[in-house]
């Protein structure tokens, strides 16, 4: 009988270690073994932490990885394609960007409701 060579699918640590985690916490609920908890880092960013004593990734469980939307995002590659790798800045909270602007309306009603819709 031939042995089947299966590709190992990592747990959520792949997403965290590659700076792809959004801190949404969906992996916590997806883990059937309750091996994941969310902590706030010193930078006030939420990140999952895996209890290696409970995690059964070594036995083939990868439910946290399967449900995670972060590992499918290649934000650095996309930013380089869109903006060129010299024009992009990175912020730990908002990700990659080229320039940031801020402003506000001098009209109080627009500032209050964030739109300029006028009822007739």
PDB file of N, CA and C in Angstrom:
ATOM      1  N   UNK A   1       0.838  -1.168   0.000  1.00  0.00           N
ATOM      2  CA  UNK A   1       0.000   0.000   0.000  1.00  0.00           C
ATOM      3  C   UNK A   1       0.896   1.249   0.000  1.00  0.00           C
ATOM      4  N   UNK A   2       0.603   2.183  -0.894  1.00  0.00           N
ATOM      5  CA  UNK A   2       1.382   3.408  -0.975  1.00  0.00           C
ATOM      6  C   UNK A   2       0.963   4.360   0.135  1.00  0.00           C
ATOM      7  N   UNK A   3       1.953   5.062   0.663  1.00  0.00           N
ATOM      8  CA  UNK A   3       1.607   6.082   1.652  1.00  0.00           C
ATOM      9  C   UNK A   3       1.224   7.360   0.913  1.00  0.00           C
ATOM     10  N   UNK A   4       0.250   8.031   1.445  1.00  0.00           N
ATOM     11  CA  UNK A   4      -0.222   9.257   0.832  1.00  0.00           C
ATOM     12  C   UNK A   4       0.582  10.418   1.401  1.00  0.00           C
ATOM     13  N   UNK A   5       1.179  11.201   0.512  1.00  0.00           N
ATOM     14  CA  UNK A   5       1.956  12.349   0.939  1.00  0.00           C
ATOM     15  C   UNK A   5       1.036  13.569   0.933  1.00  0.00           C
ATOM     16  N   UNK A   6       0.580  13.959   2.087  1.00  0.00           N
ATOM     17  CA  UNK A   6      -0.330  15.092   2.196  1.00  0.00           C
ATOM     18  C   UNK A   6       0.435  16.339   2.601  1.00  0.00           C
ATOM     19  N   UNK A   7       0.032  17.442   2.010  1.00  0.00           N
ATOM     20  CA  UNK A   7       0.645  18.715   2.351  1.00  0.00           C
ATOM     21  C   UNK A   7       0.144  19.144   3.726  1.00  0.00           C
ATOM     22  N   UNK A   8       1.065  19.540   4.586  1.00  0.00           N
ATOM     23  CA  UNK A   8       0.687  20.014   5.919  1.00  0.00           C
ATOM     24  C   UNK A   8       0.060  21.393   5.793  1.00  0.00           C
ATOM     25  N   UNK A   9      -1.100  21.565   6.380  1.00  0.00           N
ATOM     26  CA  UNK A   9      -1.778  22.856   6.415  1.00  0.00           C
ATOM     27  C   UNK A   9      -1.560  23.432   7.808  1.00  0.00           C
ATOM     28  N   UNK A  10      -0.984  24.624   7.891  1.00  0.00           N
ATOM     29  CA  UNK A  10      -0.670  25.185   9.203  1.00  0.00           C
ATOM     30  C   UNK A  10      -1.899  25.637   9.968  1.00  0.00           C
ATOM     31  N   UNK A  11      -1.698  25.936  11.235  1.00  0.00           N
ATOM     32  CA  UNK A  11      -2.775  26.525  12.022  1.00  0.00           C
ATOM     33  C   UNK A  11      -2.707  28.043  11.891  1.00  0.00           C
ATOM     34  N   UNK A  12      -3.405  28.755  12.725  1.00  0.00           N
ATOM     35  CA  UNK A  12      -3.513  30.210  12.626  1.00  0.00           C
ATOM     36  C   UNK A  12      -2.179  30.918  12.852  1.00  0.00           C
ATOM     37  N   UNK A  13      -1.200  30.237  13.404  1.00  0.00           N
ATOM     38  CA  UNK A  13       0.101  30.870  13.639  1.00  0.00           C
ATOM     39  C   UNK A  13       0.751  31.335  12.333  1.00  0.00           C
ATOM     40  N   UNK A  14       0.444  30.668  11.222  1.00  0.00           N
ATOM     41  CA  UNK A  14       0.962  31.108   9.918  1.00  0.00           C
ATOM     42  C   UNK A  14       0.487  32.531   9.620  1.00  0.00           C
ATOM     43  N   UNK A  15      -0.782  32.785   9.838  1.00  0.00           N
ATOM     44  CA  UNK A  15      -1.363  34.103   9.575  1.00  0.00           C
ATOM     45  C   UNK A  15      -0.746  35.158  10.488  1.00  0.00           C
ATOM     46  N   UNK A  16      -0.596  34.838  11.757  1.00  0.00           N
ATOM     47  CA  UNK A  16      -0.031  35.780  12.723  1.00  0.00           C
ATOM     48  C   UNK A  16       1.437  36.054  12.405  1.00  0.00           C
ATOM     49  N   UNK A  17       2.208  35.013  12.169  1.00  0.00           N
ATOM     50  CA  UNK A  17       3.644  35.167  11.918  1.00  0.00           C
ATOM     51  C   UNK A  17       3.952  35.914  10.625  1.00  0.00           C
ATOM     52  N   UNK A  18       3.036  35.909   9.690  1.00  0.00           N
ATOM     53  CA  UNK A  18       3.242  36.604   8.422  1.00  0.00           C
ATOM     54  C   UNK A  18       2.525  37.950   8.375  1.00  0.00           C
ATOM     55  N   UNK A  19       2.120  38.449   9.542  1.00  0.00           N
ATOM     56  CA  UNK A  19       1.503  39.767   9.681  1.00  0.00           C
ATOM     57  C   UNK A  19       0.259  39.923   8.815  1.00  0.00           C
ATOM     58  N   UNK A  20      -0.546  38.867   8.743  1.00  0.00           N
ATOM     59  CA  UNK A  20      -1.767  38.886   7.951  1.00  0.00           C
ATOM     60  C   UNK A  20      -3.022  38.879   8.813  1.00  0.00           C
ATOM     61  N   UNK A  21      -2.850  38.774  10.111  1.00  0.00           N
ATOM     62  CA  UNK A  21      -3.981  38.686  11.030  1.00  0.00           C
ATOM     63  C   UNK A  21      -4.665  40.040  11.175  1.00  0.00           C
ATOM     64  N   UNK A  22      -5.986  40.030  11.098  1.00  0.00           N
ATOM     65  CA  UNK A  22      -6.765  41.257  11.284  1.00  0.00           C
ATOM     66  C   UNK A  22      -7.294  41.383  12.711  1.00  0.00           C
ATOM     67  N   UNK A  23      -7.123  40.342  13.515  1.00  0.00           N
ATOM     68  CA  UNK A  23      -7.592  40.381  14.894  1.00  0.00           C
ATOM     69  C   UNK A  23      -9.083  40.192  15.050  1.00  0.00           C
ATOM     70  N   UNK A  24      -9.732  39.615  14.046  1.00  0.00           N
ATOM     71  CA  UNK A  24     -11.194  39.483  14.065  1.00  0.00           C
ATOM     72  C   UNK A  24     -11.683  38.454  15.085  1.00  0.00           C
ATOM     73  N   UNK A  25     -10.895  37.439  15.379  1.00  0.00           N
ATOM     74  CA  UNK A  25     -11.258  36.441  16.381  1.00  0.00           C
ATOM     75  C   UNK A  25     -12.086  35.278  15.885  1.00  0.00           C
ATOM     76  N   UNK A  26     -12.332  35.194  14.585  1.00  0.00           N
ATOM     77  CA  UNK A  26     -13.156  34.097  14.067  1.00  0.00           C
ATOM     78  C   UNK A  26     -12.474  32.743  14.308  1.00  0.00           C
ATOM     79  N   UNK A  27     -11.154  32.724  14.377  1.00  0.00           N
ATOM     80  CA  UNK A  27     -10.432  31.474  14.624  1.00  0.00           C
ATOM     81  C   UNK A  27     -10.730  30.906  16.004  1.00  0.00           C
ATOM     82  N   UNK A  28     -10.986  31.774  16.973  1.00  0.00           N
ATOM     83  CA  UNK A  28     -11.300  31.328  18.332  1.00  0.00           C
ATOM     84  C   UNK A  28     -12.566  30.481  18.325  1.00  0.00           C
ATOM     85  N   UNK A  29     -13.594  30.976  17.656  1.00  0.00           N
ATOM     86  CA  UNK A  29     -14.854  30.244  17.588  1.00  0.00           C
ATOM     87  C   UNK A  29     -14.770  29.002  16.717  1.00  0.00           C
ATOM     88  N   UNK A  30     -13.873  29.011  15.734  1.00  0.00           N
ATOM     89  CA  UNK A  30     -13.762  27.874  14.821  1.00  0.00           C
ATOM     90  C   UNK A  30     -13.030  26.687  15.434  1.00  0.00           C
ATOM     91  N   UNK A  31     -12.204  26.924  16.427  1.00  0.00           N
ATOM     92  CA  UNK A  31     -11.394  25.850  17.007  1.00  0.00           C
ATOM     93  C   UNK A  31     -12.253  24.906  17.843  1.00  0.00           C
ATOM     94  N   UNK A  32     -12.358  23.638  17.412  1.00  0.00           N
ATOM     95  CA  UNK A  32     -13.185  22.689  18.161  1.00  0.00           C
ATOM     96  C   UNK A  32     -12.553  22.232  19.475  1.00  0.00           C
ATOM     97  N   UNK A  33     -11.272  22.558  19.673  1.00  0.00           N
ATOM     98  CA  UNK A  33     -10.544  22.096  20.857  1.00  0.00           C
ATOM     99  C   UNK A  33     -10.295  23.227  21.862  1.00  0.00           C
ATOM    100  N   UNK A  34     -10.833  24.415  21.568  1.00  0.00           N
ATOM    101  CA  UNK A  34     -10.685  25.582  22.444  1.00  0.00           C
ATOM    102  C   UNK A  34      -9.218  25.879  22.737  1.00  0.00           C
ATOM    103  N   UNK A  35      -8.404  25.782  21.689  1.00  0.00           N
ATOM    104  CA  UNK A  35      -6.963  25.974  21.835  1.00  0.00           C
ATOM    105  C   UNK A  35      -6.515  27.400  21.528  1.00  0.00           C
ATOM    106  N   UNK A  36      -7.428  28.265  21.134  1.00  0.00           N
ATOM    107  CA  UNK A  36      -7.058  29.620  20.727  1.00  0.00           C
ATOM    108  C   UNK A  36      -7.750  30.640  21.613  1.00  0.00           C
ATOM    109  N   UNK A  37      -6.983  31.624  22.044  1.00  0.00           N
ATOM    110  CA  UNK A  37      -7.549  32.759  22.773  1.00  0.00           C
ATOM    111  C   UNK A  37      -6.994  34.037  22.144  1.00  0.00           C
ATOM    112  N   UNK A  38      -7.662  35.135  22.382  1.00  0.00           N
ATOM    113  CA  UNK A  38      -7.248  36.426  21.829  1.00  0.00           C
ATOM    114  C   UNK A  38      -6.645  37.270  22.943  1.00  0.00           C
ATOM    115  N   UNK A  39      -5.493  37.878  22.648  1.00  0.00           N
ATOM    116  CA  UNK A  39      -4.868  38.796  23.594  1.00  0.00           C
ATOM    117  C   UNK A  39      -4.655  40.144  22.913  1.00  0.00           C
ATOM    118  N   UNK A  40      -4.520  41.178  23.707  1.00  0.00           N
ATOM    119  CA  UNK A  40      -4.157  42.497  23.186  1.00  0.00           C
ATOM    120  C   UNK A  40      -2.648  42.650  23.366  1.00  0.00           C
ATOM    121  N   UNK A  41      -1.958  42.974  22.291  1.00  0.00           N
ATOM    122  CA  UNK A  41      -0.508  43.147  22.351  1.00  0.00           C
ATOM    123  C   UNK A  41      -0.167  44.492  22.980  1.00  0.00           C
ATOM    124  N   UNK A  42       1.122  44.745  23.159  1.00  0.00           N
ATOM    125  CA  UNK A  42       1.560  46.034  23.695  1.00  0.00           C
ATOM    126  C   UNK A  42       1.166  47.185  22.774  1.00  0.00           C
ATOM    127  N   UNK A  43       1.028  46.892  21.488  1.00  0.00           N
ATOM    128  CA  UNK A  43       0.621  47.910  20.513  1.00  0.00           C
ATOM    129  C   UNK A  43      -0.896  48.054  20.446  1.00  0.00           C
ATOM    130  N   UNK A  44      -1.607  47.385  21.370  1.00  0.00           N
ATOM    131  CA  UNK A  44      -3.076  47.414  21.435  1.00  0.00           C
ATOM    132  C   UNK A  44      -3.723  46.822  20.191  1.00  0.00           C
ATOM    133  N   UNK A  45      -3.130  45.762  19.699  1.00  0.00           N
ATOM    134  CA  UNK A  45      -3.653  45.030  18.552  1.00  0.00           C
ATOM    135  C   UNK A  45      -4.056  43.646  19.053  1.00  0.00           C
ATOM    136  N   UNK A  46      -5.217  43.175  18.641  1.00  0.00           N
ATOM    137  CA  UNK A  46      -5.678  41.859  19.066  1.00  0.00           C
ATOM    138  C   UNK A  46      -5.060  40.772  18.206  1.00  0.00           C
ATOM    139  N   UNK A  47      -4.514  39.735  18.840  1.00  0.00           N
ATOM    140  CA  UNK A  47      -3.892  38.628  18.142  1.00  0.00           C
ATOM    141  C   UNK A  47      -4.251  37.306  18.811  1.00  0.00           C
ATOM    142  N   UNK A  48      -4.442  36.253  18.014  1.00  0.00           N
ATOM    143  CA  UNK A  48      -4.713  34.938  18.595  1.00  0.00           C
ATOM    144  C   UNK A  48      -3.440  34.309  19.151  1.00  0.00           C
ATOM    145  N   UNK A  49      -3.615  33.571  20.220  1.00  0.00           N
ATOM    146  CA  UNK A  49      -2.523  32.808  20.825  1.00  0.00           C
ATOM    147  C   UNK A  49      -2.990  31.365  20.911  1.00  0.00           C
ATOM    148  N   UNK A  50      -2.113  30.446  20.518  1.00  0.00           N
ATOM    149  CA  UNK A  50      -2.473  29.026  20.488  1.00  0.00           C
ATOM    150  C   UNK A  50      -1.894  28.305  21.696  1.00  0.00           C
ATOM    151  N   UNK A  51      -2.724  27.543  22.357  1.00  0.00           N
ATOM    152  CA  UNK A  51      -2.277  26.662  23.433  1.00  0.00           C
ATOM    153  C   UNK A  51      -1.835  25.363  22.771  1.00  0.00           C
ATOM    154  N   UNK A  52      -0.539  25.175  22.673  1.00  0.00           N
ATOM    155  CA  UNK A  52       0.000  24.014  21.944  1.00  0.00           C
ATOM    156  C   UNK A  52      -0.376  22.680  22.600  1.00  0.00           C
ATOM    157  N   UNK A  53      -0.746  22.700  23.870  1.00  0.00           N
ATOM    158  CA  UNK A  53      -1.178  21.470  24.532  1.00  0.00           C
ATOM    159  C   UNK A  53      -2.562  21.027  24.074  1.00  0.00           C
ATOM    160  N   UNK A  54      -3.380  21.975  23.604  1.00  0.00           N
ATOM    161  CA  UNK A  54      -4.732  21.657  23.146  1.00  0.00           C
ATOM    162  C   UNK A  54      -4.840  21.548  21.626  1.00  0.00           C
ATOM    163  N   UNK A  55      -3.956  22.240  20.910  1.00  0.00           N
ATOM    164  CA  UNK A  55      -4.038  22.298  19.446  1.00  0.00           C
ATOM    165  C   UNK A  55      -3.717  20.934  18.829  1.00  0.00           C
ATOM    166  N   UNK A  56      -4.573  20.492  17.911  1.00  0.00           N
ATOM    167  CA  UNK A  56      -4.368  19.201  17.245  1.00  0.00           C
ATOM    168  C   UNK A  56      -3.972  19.375  15.779  1.00  0.00           C
ATOM    169  N   UNK A  57      -3.272  20.464  15.484  1.00  0.00           N
ATOM    170  CA  UNK A  57      -2.806  20.695  14.124  1.00  0.00           C
ATOM    171  C   UNK A  57      -1.883  19.566  13.660  1.00  0.00           C
ATOM    172  N   UNK A  58      -1.091  19.045  14.561  1.00  0.00           N
ATOM    173  CA  UNK A  58      -0.180  17.944  14.216  1.00  0.00           C
ATOM    174  C   UNK A  58      -0.936  16.659  13.853  1.00  0.00           C
ATOM    175  N   UNK A  59      -2.221  16.603  14.188  1.00  0.00           N
ATOM    176  CA  UNK A  59      -3.050  15.449  13.830  1.00  0.00           C
ATOM    177  C   UNK A  59      -3.962  15.743  12.644  1.00  0.00           C
ATOM    178  N   UNK A  60      -3.737  16.886  12.016  1.00  0.00           N
ATOM    179  CA  UNK A  60      -4.491  17.200  10.813  1.00  0.00           C
ATOM    180  C   UNK A  60      -5.564  18.260  10.948  1.00  0.00           C
ATOM    181  N   UNK A  61      -5.776  18.775  12.148  1.00  0.00           N
ATOM    182  CA  UNK A  61      -6.785  19.817  12.320  1.00  0.00           C
ATOM    183  C   UNK A  61      -6.213  21.145  11.818  1.00  0.00           C
ATOM    184  N   UNK A  62      -6.986  21.833  11.031  1.00  0.00           N
ATOM    185  CA  UNK A  62      -6.572  23.152  10.533  1.00  0.00           C
ATOM    186  C   UNK A  62      -7.806  24.024  10.301  1.00  0.00           C
ATOM    187  N   UNK A  63      -8.815  23.804  11.130  1.00  0.00           N
ATOM    188  CA  UNK A  63     -10.065  24.543  10.980  1.00  0.00           C
ATOM    189  C   UNK A  63      -9.846  26.056  11.135  1.00  0.00           C
ATOM    190  N   UNK A  64      -8.977  26.464  12.055  1.00  0.00           N
ATOM    191  CA  UNK A  64      -8.702  27.891  12.255  1.00  0.00           C
ATOM    192  C   UNK A  64      -8.079  28.507  11.001  1.00  0.00           C
ATOM    193  N   UNK A  65      -7.199  27.767  10.366  1.00  0.00           N
ATOM    194  CA  UNK A  65      -6.557  28.247   9.139  1.00  0.00           C
ATOM    195  C   UNK A  65      -7.555  28.302   7.991  1.00  0.00           C
ATOM    196  N   UNK A  66      -8.418  27.304   7.915  1.00  0.00           N
ATOM    197  CA  UNK A  66      -9.399  27.243   6.827  1.00  0.00           C
ATOM    198  C   UNK A  66     -10.380  28.409   6.865  1.00  0.00           C
ATOM    199  N   UNK A  67     -10.776  28.821   8.059  1.00  0.00           N
ATOM    200  CA  UNK A  67     -11.789  29.872   8.173  1.00  0.00           C
ATOM    201  C   UNK A  67     -11.193  31.278   8.119  1.00  0.00           C
ATOM    202  N   UNK A  68      -9.904  31.389   8.326  1.00  0.00           N
ATOM    203  CA  UNK A  68      -9.235  32.685   8.388  1.00  0.00           C
ATOM    204  C   UNK A  68      -9.182  33.365   7.014  1.00  0.00           C
ATOM    205  N   UNK A  69      -9.628  34.615   6.970  1.00  0.00           N
ATOM    206  CA  UNK A  69      -9.549  35.371   5.712  1.00  0.00           C
ATOM    207  C   UNK A  69      -8.203  36.053   5.559  1.00  0.00           C
ATOM    208  N   UNK A  70      -7.446  36.155   6.609  1.00  0.00           N
ATOM    209  CA  UNK A  70      -6.165  36.867   6.563  1.00  0.00           C
ATOM    210  C   UNK A  70      -5.089  36.200   5.736  1.00  0.00           C
ATOM    211  N   UNK A  71      -5.034  34.872   5.733  1.00  0.00           N
ATOM    212  CA  UNK A  71      -3.930  34.219   5.037  1.00  0.00           C
ATOM    213  C   UNK A  71      -4.056  34.299   3.527  1.00  0.00           C
ATOM    214  N   UNK A  72      -5.216  34.638   3.015  1.00  0.00           N
ATOM    215  CA  UNK A  72      -5.389  34.762   1.573  1.00  0.00           C
ATOM    216  C   UNK A  72      -5.035  36.142   1.039  1.00  0.00           C
ATOM    217  N   UNK A  73      -4.741  37.061   1.926  1.00  0.00           N
ATOM    218  CA  UNK A  73      -4.443  38.428   1.520  1.00  0.00           C
ATOM    219  C   UNK A  73      -2.934  38.611   1.393  1.00  0.00           C
ATOM    220  N   UNK A  74      -2.494  38.949   0.222  1.00  0.00           N
ATOM    221  CA  UNK A  74      -1.072  39.221   0.024  1.00  0.00           C
ATOM    222  C   UNK A  74      -0.914  40.729  -0.099  1.00  0.00           C
ATOM    223  N   UNK A  75      -1.087  41.426   1.025  1.00  0.00           N
ATOM    224  CA  UNK A  75      -1.170  42.883   1.003  1.00  0.00           C
ATOM    225  C   UNK A  75       0.105  43.551   0.498  1.00  0.00           C
ATOM    226  N   UNK A  76       1.262  43.040   0.846  1.00  0.00           N
ATOM    227  CA  UNK A  76       2.515  43.642   0.375  1.00  0.00           C
ATOM    228  C   UNK A  76       2.623  43.506  -1.140  1.00  0.00           C
ATOM    229  N   UNK A  77       2.336  42.344  -1.685  1.00  0.00           N
ATOM    230  CA  UNK A  77       2.422  42.133  -3.132  1.00  0.00           C
ATOM    231  C   UNK A  77       1.394  43.005  -3.856  1.00  0.00           C
ATOM    232  N   UNK A  78       0.189  43.077  -3.333  1.00  0.00           N
ATOM    233  CA  UNK A  78      -0.852  43.898  -3.948  1.00  0.00           C
ATOM    234  C   UNK A  78      -0.468  45.378  -3.900  1.00  0.00           C
ATOM    235  N   UNK A  79       0.054  45.826  -2.761  1.00  0.00           N
ATOM    236  CA  UNK A  79       0.479  47.226  -2.645  1.00  0.00           C
ATOM    237  C   UNK A  79       1.602  47.531  -3.633  1.00  0.00           C
ATOM    238  N   UNK A  80       2.541  46.618  -3.781  1.00  0.00           N
ATOM    239  CA  UNK A  80       3.630  46.817  -4.743  1.00  0.00           C
ATOM    240  C   UNK A  80       3.105  46.891  -6.172  1.00  0.00           C
ATOM    241  N   UNK A  81       2.135  46.034  -6.504  1.00  0.00           N
ATOM    242  CA  UNK A  81       1.555  46.069  -7.843  1.00  0.00           C
ATOM    243  C   UNK A  81       0.798  47.369  -8.108  1.00  0.00           C
ATOM    244  N   UNK A  82       0.037  47.815  -7.115  1.00  0.00           N
ATOM    245  CA  UNK A  82      -0.774  49.013  -7.296  1.00  0.00           C
ATOM    246  C   UNK A  82       0.031  50.305  -7.241  1.00  0.00           C
ATOM    247  N   UNK A  83       0.980  50.360  -6.324  1.00  0.00           N
ATOM    248  CA  UNK A  83       1.655  51.626  -6.057  1.00  0.00           C
ATOM    249  C   UNK A  83       3.145  51.625  -6.360  1.00  0.00           C
ATOM    250  N   UNK A  84       3.733  50.468  -6.618  1.00  0.00           N
ATOM    251  CA  UNK A  84       5.189  50.402  -6.743  1.00  0.00           C
ATOM    252  C   UNK A  84       5.789  50.337  -5.354  1.00  0.00           C
ATOM    253  N   UNK A  85       6.810  49.555  -5.190  1.00  0.00           N
ATOM    254  CA  UNK A  85       7.313  49.305  -3.834  1.00  0.00           C
ATOM    255  C   UNK A  85       8.040  50.490  -3.201  1.00  0.00           C
ATOM    256  N   UNK A  86       8.337  51.556  -3.939  1.00  0.00           N
ATOM    257  CA  UNK A  86       8.990  52.701  -3.314  1.00  0.00           C
ATOM    258  C   UNK A  86       7.995  53.750  -2.842  1.00  0.00           C
ATOM    259  N   UNK A  87       6.777  53.723  -3.370  1.00  0.00           N
ATOM    260  CA  UNK A  87       5.793  54.752  -3.044  1.00  0.00           C
ATOM    261  C   UNK A  87       4.893  54.365  -1.888  1.00  0.00           C
ATOM    262  N   UNK A  88       5.100  53.208  -1.302  1.00  0.00           N
ATOM    263  CA  UNK A  88       4.160  52.717  -0.302  1.00  0.00           C
ATOM    264  C   UNK A  88       4.744  52.824   1.102  1.00  0.00           C
ATOM    265  N   UNK A  89       3.901  53.264   2.017  1.00  0.00           N
ATOM    266  CA  UNK A  89       4.240  53.269   3.442  1.00  0.00           C
ATOM    267  C   UNK A  89       3.383  52.198   4.111  1.00  0.00           C
ATOM    268  N   UNK A  90       3.791  51.774   5.300  1.00  0.00           N
ATOM    269  CA  UNK A  90       2.998  50.790   6.015  1.00  0.00           C
ATOM    270  C   UNK A  90       2.788  51.251   7.443  1.00  0.00           C
ATOM    271  N   UNK A  91       1.551  51.139   7.889  1.00  0.00           N
ATOM    272  CA  UNK A  91       1.183  51.451   9.248  1.00  0.00           C
ATOM    273  C   UNK A  91       0.585  50.193   9.864  1.00  0.00           C
ATOM    274  N   UNK A  92       0.944  49.896  11.112  1.00  0.00           N
ATOM    275  CA  UNK A  92       0.477  48.660  11.734  1.00  0.00           C
ATOM    276  C   UNK A  92      -1.037  48.609  11.896  1.00  0.00           C
ATOM    277  N   UNK A  93      -1.701  49.747  11.913  1.00  0.00           N
ATOM    278  CA  UNK A  93      -3.141  49.765  12.113  1.00  0.00           C
ATOM    279  C   UNK A  93      -3.942  49.801  10.822  1.00  0.00           C
ATOM    280  N   UNK A  94      -3.452  50.501   9.808  1.00  0.00           N
ATOM    281  CA  UNK A  94      -4.234  50.636   8.574  1.00  0.00           C
ATOM    282  C   UNK A  94      -3.630  49.920   7.386  1.00  0.00           C
ATOM    283  N   UNK A  95      -2.426  49.395   7.515  1.00  0.00           N
ATOM    284  CA  UNK A  95      -1.807  48.651   6.416  1.00  0.00           C
ATOM    285  C   UNK A  95      -1.010  49.553   5.493  1.00  0.00           C
ATOM    286  N   UNK A  96      -0.975  49.218   4.197  1.00  0.00           N
ATOM    287  CA  UNK A  96      -0.181  49.936   3.213  1.00  0.00           C
ATOM    288  C   UNK A  96      -0.958  51.110   2.642  1.00  0.00           C
ATOM    289  N   UNK A  97      -0.253  52.196   2.383  1.00  0.00           N
ATOM    290  CA  UNK A  97      -0.881  53.386   1.816  1.00  0.00           C
ATOM    291  C   UNK A  97       0.168  54.225   1.100  1.00  0.00           C
ATOM    292  N   UNK A  98      -0.277  55.140   0.257  1.00  0.00           N
ATOM    293  CA  UNK A  98       0.642  56.064  -0.408  1.00  0.00           C
ATOM    294  C   UNK A  98       0.612  57.429   0.254  1.00  0.00           C
ATOM    295  N   UNK A  99      -0.567  57.954   0.510  1.00  0.00           N
ATOM    296  CA  UNK A  99      -0.725  59.243   1.185  1.00  0.00           C
ATOM    297  C   UNK A  99      -2.004  59.197   2.022  1.00  0.00           C
ATOM    298  N   UNK A 100      -2.042  59.996   3.058  1.00  0.00           N
ATOM    299  CA  UNK A 100      -3.230  60.104   3.890  1.00  0.00           C
ATOM    300  C   UNK A 100      -3.646  61.557   3.976  1.00  0.00           C
ATOM    301  N   UNK A 101      -4.929  61.778   3.937  1.00  0.00           N
ATOM    302  CA  UNK A 101      -5.476  63.126   4.061  1.00  0.00           C
ATOM    303  C   UNK A 101      -6.591  63.114   5.082  1.00  0.00           C
ATOM    304  N   UNK A 102      -6.817  64.229   5.700  1.00  0.00           N
ATOM    305  CA  UNK A 102      -7.943  64.374   6.612  1.00  0.00           C
ATOM    306  C   UNK A 102      -8.584  65.736   6.375  1.00  0.00           C
ATOM    307  N   UNK A 103      -9.820  65.842   6.728  1.00  0.00           N
ATOM    308  CA  UNK A 103     -10.514  67.106   6.542  1.00  0.00           C
ATOM    309  C   UNK A 103     -11.892  67.037   7.158  1.00  0.00           C
ATOM    310  N   UNK A 104     -12.584  68.148   7.144  1.00  0.00           N
ATOM    311  CA  UNK A 104     -13.958  68.169   7.637  1.00  0.00           C
ATOM    312  C   UNK A 104     -14.708  69.301   6.963  1.00  0.00           C
ATOM    313  N   UNK A 105     -16.006  69.200   6.990  1.00  0.00           N
ATOM    314  CA  UNK A 105     -16.861  70.216   6.403  1.00  0.00           C
ATOM    315  C   UNK A 105     -17.052  71.359   7.388  1.00  0.00           C
ATOM    316  N   UNK A 106     -17.155  72.565   6.872  1.00  0.00           N
ATOM    317  CA  UNK A 106     -17.484  73.720   7.709  1.00  0.00           C
ATOM    318  C   UNK A 106     -18.983  73.829   7.960  1.00  0.00           C
ATOM    319  N   UNK A 107     -19.759  73.002   7.268  1.00  0.00           N
ATOM    320  CA  UNK A 107     -21.204  72.998   7.440  1.00  0.00           C
ATOM    321  C   UNK A 107     -21.551  71.975   8.519  1.00  0.00           C
ATOM    322  N   UNK A 108     -22.109  72.463   9.618  1.00  0.00           N
ATOM    323  CA  UNK A 108     -22.344  71.611  10.796  1.00  0.00           C
ATOM    324  C   UNK A 108     -23.228  70.406  10.501  1.00  0.00           C
ATOM    325  N   UNK A 109     -24.296  70.573   9.704  1.00  0.00           N
ATOM    326  CA  UNK A 109     -25.192  69.452   9.400  1.00  0.00           C
ATOM    327  C   UNK A 109     -24.473  68.348   8.622  1.00  0.00           C
ATOM    328  N   UNK A 110     -23.637  68.743   7.698  1.00  0.00           N
ATOM    329  CA  UNK A 110     -22.876  67.742   6.933  1.00  0.00           C
ATOM    330  C   UNK A 110     -21.891  67.046   7.859  1.00  0.00           C
ATOM    331  N   UNK A 111     -21.218  67.805   8.687  1.00  0.00           N
ATOM    332  CA  UNK A 111     -20.250  67.222   9.617  1.00  0.00           C
ATOM    333  C   UNK A 111     -20.945  66.266  10.578  1.00  0.00           C
ATOM    334  N   UNK A 112     -22.150  66.612  10.999  1.00  0.00           N
ATOM    335  CA  UNK A 112     -22.908  65.787  11.947  1.00  0.00           C
ATOM    336  C   UNK A 112     -23.388  64.482  11.322  1.00  0.00           C
ATOM    337  N   UNK A 113     -23.833  64.519  10.074  1.00  0.00           N
ATOM    338  CA  UNK A 113     -24.414  63.330   9.445  1.00  0.00           C
ATOM    339  C   UNK A 113     -23.483  62.652   8.438  1.00  0.00           C
ATOM    340  N   UNK A 114     -22.354  63.257   8.158  1.00  0.00           N
ATOM    341  CA  UNK A 114     -21.358  62.708   7.237  1.00  0.00           C
ATOM    342  C   UNK A 114     -21.864  62.568   5.809  1.00  0.00           C
ATOM    343  N   UNK A 115     -22.826  63.391   5.436  1.00  0.00           N
ATOM    344  CA  UNK A 115     -23.266  63.390   4.037  1.00  0.00           C
ATOM    345  C   UNK A 115     -23.825  64.755   3.689  1.00  0.00           C
ATOM    346  N   UNK A 116     -24.055  64.959   2.425  1.00  0.00           N
ATOM    347  CA  UNK A 116     -24.610  66.235   2.007  1.00  0.00           C
ATOM    348  C   UNK A 116     -26.001  66.072   1.407  1.00  0.00           C
ATOM    349  N   UNK A 117     -26.678  64.974   1.739  1.00  0.00           N
ATOM    350  CA  UNK A 117     -28.016  64.710   1.247  1.00  0.00           C
ATOM    351  C   UNK A 117     -28.980  65.749   1.814  1.00  0.00           C
ATOM    352  N   UNK A 118     -29.680  66.390   0.958  1.00  0.00           N
ATOM    353  CA  UNK A 118     -30.653  67.408   1.363  1.00  0.00           C
ATOM    354  C   UNK A 118     -32.052  66.909   1.052  1.00  0.00           C
ATOM    355  N   UNK A 119     -32.935  66.879   2.033  1.00  0.00           N
ATOM    356  CA  UNK A 119     -34.329  66.509   1.785  1.00  0.00           C
ATOM    357  C   UNK A 119     -35.034  67.684   1.123  1.00  0.00           C
ATOM    358  N   UNK A 120     -35.917  67.372   0.191  1.00  0.00           N
ATOM    359  CA  UNK A 120     -36.658  68.439  -0.501  1.00  0.00           C
ATOM    360  C   UNK A 120     -38.012  68.644   0.093  1.00  0.00           C
TER     361      UNK A 120
END
